[in-house]
Amino acid sequence: MRRVIIESPYAGNVELNLRYLRAAMRDCLDRGEAPFASHGLYTQDGVLDDNIPAQRDLGIAAGFAWRIVADATVVYTDLGITIGMEFGIAHADECGRAVEYRTLPGWTP
């Protein structure tokens, strides 16, 4: 399976953004990919608090550690591209990793 990092929104309307992330993960799996989304994993209750800068930075660093083994970064754009997503895209570019932009046809908030 091709390993992909998912870039999608998190902050703001967290409930909506996590629902969107789950749909993006399903899309990846349906494509035969193995998705990883640190913003959906590390922000769960009892792990890290995205509202505490030091914990947010720790989550970003841990996510970036996984990125080095990814085959591509996939950016889901239906809800726009956030500053955090831009940071992930820039990191992928710096590492020479492919960046793909996708939408989820038929997805509604």
Protein backbone atom coordinates (compact mmCIF):
# COMPACT_ATOMS: atom_id res chain seq x y z
CA MET A 1 0.00 0.00 0.00
CA ARG A 2 1.14 3.50 -0.74
CA ARG A 3 1.67 5.46 2.49
CA VAL A 4 0.13 8.94 2.43
CA ILE A 5 -0.02 11.84 4.84
CA ILE A 6 -3.38 13.59 4.88
CA GLU A 7 -3.57 17.37 5.06
CA SER A 8 -7.02 18.64 6.01
CA PRO A 9 -8.33 21.33 8.37
CA TYR A 10 -8.46 20.76 12.11
CA ALA A 11 -8.81 24.02 14.06
CA GLY A 12 -12.03 25.99 13.99
CA ASN A 13 -15.07 23.77 13.62
CA VAL A 14 -13.32 20.69 15.01
CA GLU A 15 -16.39 18.44 14.84
CA LEU A 16 -16.95 19.22 11.15
CA ASN A 17 -13.24 19.00 10.35
CA LEU A 18 -12.89 15.58 12.01
CA ARG A 19 -15.93 14.31 10.10
CA TYR A 20 -14.26 15.54 6.92
CA LEU A 21 -10.97 13.90 7.92
CA ARG A 22 -12.71 10.56 8.44
CA ALA A 23 -14.20 10.83 4.94
CA ALA A 24 -10.75 11.68 3.53
CA MET A 25 -9.22 8.68 5.29
CA ARG A 26 -11.91 6.45 3.81
CA ASP A 27 -11.20 7.92 0.37
CA CYS A 28 -7.52 7.03 0.77
CA LEU A 29 -8.32 3.50 1.89
CA ASP A 30 -10.70 3.06 -1.05
CA ARG A 31 -7.78 4.04 -3.31
CA GLY A 32 -5.61 1.31 -1.80
CA GLU A 33 -3.57 3.75 0.29
CA ALA A 34 -2.53 3.65 3.94
CA PRO A 35 -3.36 7.12 5.29
CA PHE A 36 -1.84 8.83 8.33
CA ALA A 37 -3.34 11.95 9.89
CA SER A 38 -1.52 13.13 13.00
CA HIS A 39 -4.04 15.94 13.55
CA GLY A 40 -6.80 13.37 13.96
CA LEU A 41 -4.76 11.02 16.13
CA TYR A 42 -2.70 13.18 18.47
CA THR A 43 -5.54 15.57 19.32
CA GLN A 44 -7.76 12.90 20.85
CA ASP A 45 -8.75 13.36 24.50
CA GLY A 46 -5.93 12.36 26.81
CA VAL A 47 -3.20 12.64 24.17
CA LEU A 48 -2.36 16.26 23.30
CA ASP A 49 -4.29 19.53 23.56
CA ASP A 50 -4.09 21.51 20.31
CA ASN A 51 -4.91 24.70 22.25
CA ILE A 52 -1.66 24.50 24.25
CA PRO A 53 1.18 25.72 22.00
CA ALA A 54 3.85 23.39 23.41
CA GLN A 55 1.58 20.37 22.95
CA ARG A 56 0.58 21.51 19.45
CA ASP A 57 4.29 21.83 18.56
CA LEU A 58 4.96 18.35 19.96
CA GLY A 59 2.15 16.91 17.82
CA ILE A 60 3.49 18.65 14.71
CA ALA A 61 7.01 17.34 15.38
CA ALA A 62 5.70 13.79 15.92
CA GLY A 63 3.67 13.99 12.71
CA PHE A 64 6.70 15.22 10.78
CA ALA A 65 8.72 12.26 12.08
CA TRP A 66 6.24 9.96 10.29
CA ARG A 67 6.33 12.02 7.10
CA ILE A 68 9.80 10.81 6.16
CA VAL A 69 8.42 7.34 5.40
CA ALA A 70 5.42 8.61 3.40
CA ASP A 71 5.18 8.20 -0.34
CA ALA A 72 3.03 11.32 -0.82
CA THR A 73 1.13 14.09 0.91
CA VAL A 74 -2.52 14.35 -0.09
CA VAL A 75 -4.31 17.64 0.49
CA TYR A 76 -8.09 17.58 0.77
CA THR A 77 -9.37 21.01 -0.27
CA ASP A 78 -13.17 21.05 0.04
CA LEU A 79 -12.96 23.06 3.27
CA GLY A 80 -10.07 25.24 2.11
CA ILE A 81 -6.38 25.21 2.96
CA THR A 82 -5.40 26.37 6.43
CA ILE A 83 -2.09 27.77 7.63
CA GLY A 84 -1.32 24.42 9.27
CA MET A 85 -1.97 22.64 5.99
CA GLU A 86 0.29 25.11 4.17
CA PHE A 87 3.02 24.25 6.69
CA GLY A 88 2.64 20.53 5.87
CA ILE A 89 2.63 21.22 2.11
CA ALA A 90 5.80 23.29 2.41
CA HIS A 91 7.48 20.52 4.40
CA ALA A 92 6.55 17.96 1.73
CA ASP A 93 7.97 20.25 -0.96
CA GLU A 94 11.20 20.71 1.01
CA CYS A 95 11.56 16.92 1.33
CA GLY A 96 10.85 16.37 -2.35
CA ARG A 97 7.72 14.32 -1.58
CA ALA A 98 4.83 14.36 -4.04
CA VAL A 99 1.87 16.58 -3.13
CA GLU A 100 -1.56 15.74 -4.53
CA TYR A 101 -4.68 17.89 -4.23
CA ARG A 102 -8.04 16.16 -3.90
CA THR A 103 -11.70 16.81 -3.30
CA LEU A 104 -14.40 14.48 -2.04
CA PRO A 105 -17.15 14.49 -4.67
CA GLY A 106 -20.56 14.44 -3.05
CA TRP A 107 -19.26 15.32 0.40
CA THR A 108 -21.49 17.78 2.22
CA PRO A 109 -20.89 19.43 5.60
